[in-house]
Amino acid sequence: MAKTDMLNIRIEPELKKQVESTLNDLGMNIAEAVTIFLKQVVLTDSIPFMIKKPKLNAETIKTMEEAKKGINLSKEYTDLNKMWEDLEKEE
């Protein structure tokens, strides 16, 4: 067996759970996925995928900030016609 080194990383528990679920569906574990990633780094001499900053418009950013603060942005309707009127105004 090849000699190996230990690599310790810290990640958020929920992210780890999601990653393990996805990788399990692909038939691999985190260690195998990390090994594939690191081999690709060496082969390509780069990060093997595009890293982009998401482009968000001002309205989306404002909505995200309000959601973080717990502001409820939803509106309840008892009249379906009123709901459609409001939706048509937004277009």
Protein backbone atom coordinates (compact mmCIF):
# COMPACT_ATOMS: atom_id res chain seq x y z
CA MET A 1 0.00 0.00 0.00
CA ALA A 2 1.21 3.52 -0.80
CA LYS A 3 2.42 5.68 2.04
CA THR A 4 -0.12 8.38 2.93
CA ASP A 5 -0.14 11.63 4.90
CA MET A 6 -2.97 12.87 7.05
CA LEU A 7 -4.90 16.01 6.04
CA ASN A 8 -7.20 17.60 8.63
CA ILE A 9 -9.77 20.20 7.58
CA ARG A 10 -12.65 21.94 9.33
CA ILE A 11 -15.99 22.41 7.59
CA GLU A 12 -19.49 23.25 8.73
CA PRO A 13 -21.41 20.14 9.85
CA GLU A 14 -24.36 20.80 7.51
CA LEU A 15 -22.03 21.23 4.52
CA LYS A 16 -20.27 17.96 5.41
CA LYS A 17 -23.63 16.17 5.62
CA GLN A 18 -24.69 17.49 2.20
CA VAL A 19 -21.32 16.63 0.64
CA GLU A 20 -21.36 13.11 2.06
CA SER A 21 -24.87 12.56 0.69
CA THR A 22 -23.94 13.74 -2.80
CA LEU A 23 -20.66 11.82 -2.89
CA ASN A 24 -22.38 8.69 -1.60
CA ASP A 25 -24.75 8.91 -4.59
CA LEU A 26 -21.63 9.06 -6.80
CA GLY A 27 -20.09 6.03 -5.08
CA MET A 28 -17.23 7.79 -3.31
CA ASN A 29 -16.31 9.30 0.03
CA ILE A 30 -14.83 12.67 0.96
CA ALA A 31 -11.25 11.38 1.01
CA GLU A 32 -11.59 10.01 -2.53
CA ALA A 33 -13.15 13.27 -3.78
CA VAL A 34 -10.39 15.34 -2.17
CA THR A 35 -7.76 13.06 -3.74
CA ILE A 36 -9.34 13.54 -7.18
CA PHE A 37 -9.42 17.30 -6.65
CA LEU A 38 -5.77 17.44 -5.55
CA LYS A 39 -4.63 15.29 -8.49
CA GLN A 40 -6.44 17.67 -10.84
CA VAL A 41 -4.73 20.64 -9.19
CA VAL A 42 -1.37 19.01 -9.97
CA LEU A 43 -2.34 17.97 -13.53
CA THR A 44 -3.75 21.38 -14.50
CA ASP A 45 -1.43 23.45 -12.30
CA SER A 46 -4.54 25.39 -11.26
CA ILE A 47 -7.86 25.11 -9.49
CA PRO A 48 -9.69 22.64 -11.77
CA PHE A 49 -12.89 24.66 -12.05
CA MET A 50 -13.97 28.25 -12.55
CA ILE A 51 -14.33 30.33 -9.41
CA LYS A 52 -16.72 33.24 -9.82
CA LYS A 53 -18.21 35.83 -7.58
CA PRO A 54 -21.99 35.67 -7.98
CA LYS A 55 -23.41 38.79 -9.59
CA LEU A 56 -26.38 39.92 -7.60
CA ASN A 57 -28.48 42.97 -8.29
CA ALA A 58 -29.26 45.52 -5.60
CA GLU A 59 -32.81 44.22 -5.07
CA THR A 60 -31.57 40.67 -4.49
CA ILE A 61 -28.90 41.86 -2.05
CA LYS A 62 -31.49 43.93 -0.15
CA THR A 63 -33.87 40.97 0.03
CA MET A 64 -31.08 38.69 1.29
CA GLU A 65 -30.12 41.21 3.98
CA GLU A 66 -33.74 41.57 5.09
CA ALA A 67 -34.12 37.77 5.22
CA LYS A 68 -31.02 37.54 7.43
CA LYS A 69 -32.61 40.07 9.78
CA GLY A 70 -35.79 37.97 9.91
CA ILE A 71 -37.96 40.46 8.08
CA ASN A 72 -40.99 38.67 6.62
CA LEU A 73 -41.34 39.77 3.01
CA SER A 74 -44.33 37.62 2.19
CA LYS A 75 -47.79 39.01 1.86
CA GLU A 76 -50.92 37.03 2.55
CA TYR A 77 -53.98 37.29 0.35
CA THR A 78 -57.59 36.36 0.92
CA ASP A 79 -58.60 37.67 -2.51
CA LEU A 80 -57.03 35.89 -5.48
CA ASN A 81 -57.85 38.77 -7.85
CA LYS A 82 -55.97 41.21 -5.60
CA MET A 83 -52.96 38.90 -5.63
CA TRP A 84 -52.91 38.82 -9.44
CA GLU A 85 -53.28 42.62 -9.57
CA ASP A 86 -50.24 43.02 -7.33
CA LEU A 87 -48.21 40.53 -9.36
CA GLU A 88 -49.05 42.33 -12.60
CA LYS A 89 -47.92 45.65 -11.07
CA GLU A 90 -44.45 44.14 -10.42
CA GLU A 91 -43.87 43.34 -14.10
